[in-house]
Protein backbone atom coordinates (compact mmCIF):
# COMPACT_ATOMS: atom_id res chain seq x y z
CA UNK A 1 8.68 -10.79 -10.16
CA UNK A 2 6.68 -13.75 -9.13
CA UNK A 3 7.67 -13.78 -5.55
CA UNK A 4 9.94 -11.53 -3.17
CA UNK A 5 10.71 -11.39 0.54
CA UNK A 6 12.98 -8.77 1.54
CA UNK A 7 13.50 -9.00 5.22
CA UNK A 8 15.08 -5.35 6.07
CA UNK A 9 14.22 -2.50 3.37
CA UNK A 10 15.59 0.75 4.60
CA UNK A 11 13.58 3.95 3.43
CA UNK A 12 15.94 7.09 4.10
CA UNK A 13 14.92 10.29 5.65
CA UNK A 14 14.67 11.96 2.40
CA UNK A 15 11.73 9.69 1.35
CA UNK A 16 10.22 8.59 4.62
CA UNK A 17 10.43 11.83 6.48
CA UNK A 18 12.61 10.20 9.11
CA UNK A 19 14.67 6.80 8.60
CA UNK A 20 12.42 3.72 8.47
CA UNK A 21 12.89 0.09 8.17
CA UNK A 22 10.56 -2.43 6.55
CA UNK A 23 10.03 -6.25 5.46
CA UNK A 24 8.45 -6.59 2.13
CA UNK A 25 6.50 -9.68 0.63
CA UNK A 26 4.53 -10.51 -2.05
CA UNK A 27 4.27 -11.26 -5.64
CA UNK A 28 3.48 -9.43 -9.26
CA UNK A 29 2.59 -10.94 -12.29
CA UNK A 30 2.34 -8.33 -14.95
CA UNK A 31 1.69 -10.03 -18.04
CA UNK A 32 0.47 -6.53 -19.84
CA UNK A 33 -1.04 -3.17 -18.87
CA UNK A 34 -4.49 -4.91 -19.03
CA UNK A 35 -3.55 -8.36 -17.32
CA UNK A 36 -1.90 -8.03 -13.44
CA UNK A 37 -2.10 -9.69 -10.42
CA UNK A 38 -0.10 -8.15 -7.45
CA UNK A 39 -0.02 -9.19 -4.02
CA UNK A 40 2.17 -6.90 -1.66
CA UNK A 41 2.68 -6.41 2.06
CA UNK A 42 4.86 -4.32 4.07
CA UNK A 43 5.63 -4.30 7.84
CA UNK A 44 7.41 -1.98 9.88
CA UNK A 45 10.08 -3.87 11.85
CA UNK A 46 11.48 -0.44 13.52
CA UNK A 47 8.09 0.53 14.75
CA UNK A 48 4.33 0.29 14.25
CA UNK A 49 3.19 0.29 10.75
CA UNK A 50 1.10 -2.35 8.31
CA UNK A 51 0.53 -2.00 4.55
CA UNK A 52 -1.23 -4.56 2.30
CA UNK A 53 -2.20 -4.31 -1.29
CA UNK A 54 -4.06 -7.01 -3.24
CA UNK A 55 -4.80 -6.42 -7.08
CA UNK A 56 -6.12 -8.05 -9.94
CA UNK A 57 -7.35 -6.70 -13.33
CA UNK A 58 -7.75 -7.62 -16.71
CA UNK A 59 -9.04 -5.96 -19.96
CA UNK A 60 -12.58 -6.13 -18.67
CA UNK A 61 -12.65 -5.50 -14.58
CA UNK A 62 -10.51 -4.67 -11.30
CA UNK A 63 -10.60 -6.32 -8.16
CA UNK A 64 -8.32 -5.18 -5.28
CA UNK A 65 -7.94 -4.06 -1.69
CA UNK A 66 -5.43 -1.78 0.04
CA UNK A 67 -5.07 -1.51 3.72
CA UNK A 68 -2.86 1.17 5.66
CA UNK A 69 -2.17 1.14 9.34
CA UNK A 70 0.42 3.59 10.27
CA UNK A 71 1.30 5.66 13.49
CA UNK A 72 1.71 9.45 13.01
CA UNK A 73 4.50 10.70 11.34
CA UNK A 74 4.91 7.56 9.66
CA UNK A 75 6.70 7.11 6.08
CA UNK A 76 3.32 7.93 4.16
CA UNK A 77 3.03 11.72 5.75
CA UNK A 78 5.97 12.48 3.86
CA UNK A 79 5.67 10.56 0.84
CA UNK A 80 2.29 12.12 0.39
CA UNK A 81 3.39 15.40 1.12
CA UNK A 82 0.68 15.69 3.91
CA UNK A 83 2.49 17.10 6.82
CA UNK A 84 0.44 16.84 10.20
CA UNK A 85 -1.53 14.21 8.77
CA UNK A 86 -1.53 11.94 12.05
CA UNK A 87 -2.18 8.44 12.63
CA UNK A 88 -3.56 6.74 9.50
CA UNK A 89 -6.28 3.94 9.10
CA UNK A 90 -7.24 3.35 5.71
CA UNK A 91 -9.18 0.34 3.84
CA UNK A 92 -9.96 0.78 0.30
CA UNK A 93 -11.82 -1.96 -1.93
CA UNK A 94 -12.72 -1.65 -5.55
CA UNK A 95 -14.26 -4.32 -7.90
CA UNK A 96 -16.47 -4.61 -10.75
CA UNK A 97 -16.16 -4.07 -14.50
CA UNK A 98 -14.13 -0.96 -15.87
CA UNK A 99 -16.95 1.13 -16.83
CA UNK A 100 -18.67 0.65 -13.06
CA UNK A 101 -16.28 -0.04 -10.67
CA UNK A 102 -17.57 0.15 -7.18
CA UNK A 103 -15.04 1.97 -4.51
CA UNK A 104 -15.59 1.71 -0.88
CA UNK A 105 -13.26 3.62 1.17
CA UNK A 106 -12.81 3.92 4.77
CA UNK A 107 -10.27 6.54 6.02
CA UNK A 108 -9.27 7.85 9.39
CA UNK A 109 -6.60 10.47 9.77
CA UNK A 110 -6.09 11.90 13.49
CA UNK A 111 -3.10 14.38 14.34
């Protein structure tokens, strides 16, 4: 899926804890399990919440970022099965050769 732009994706309460609406944009080029490029972002259109992932990996290395900003009782709380997680801000970066990837994680969760 090289490019997509979905303006109104509805997540049901069974998945998200309560119904939620997001817009999704991005693309993915998965040539093989050892050669993938992904750039995906989502934004809540019925409330606060932003999510973004950029990932590039091949047979030798992986480089990527993930950022999440979600208020308390957001969809991830239910998807991750972590009730009471609260507001979530996370930034993850991974870079380097497969055997020595560096991971930088900043996470704030507050109920």
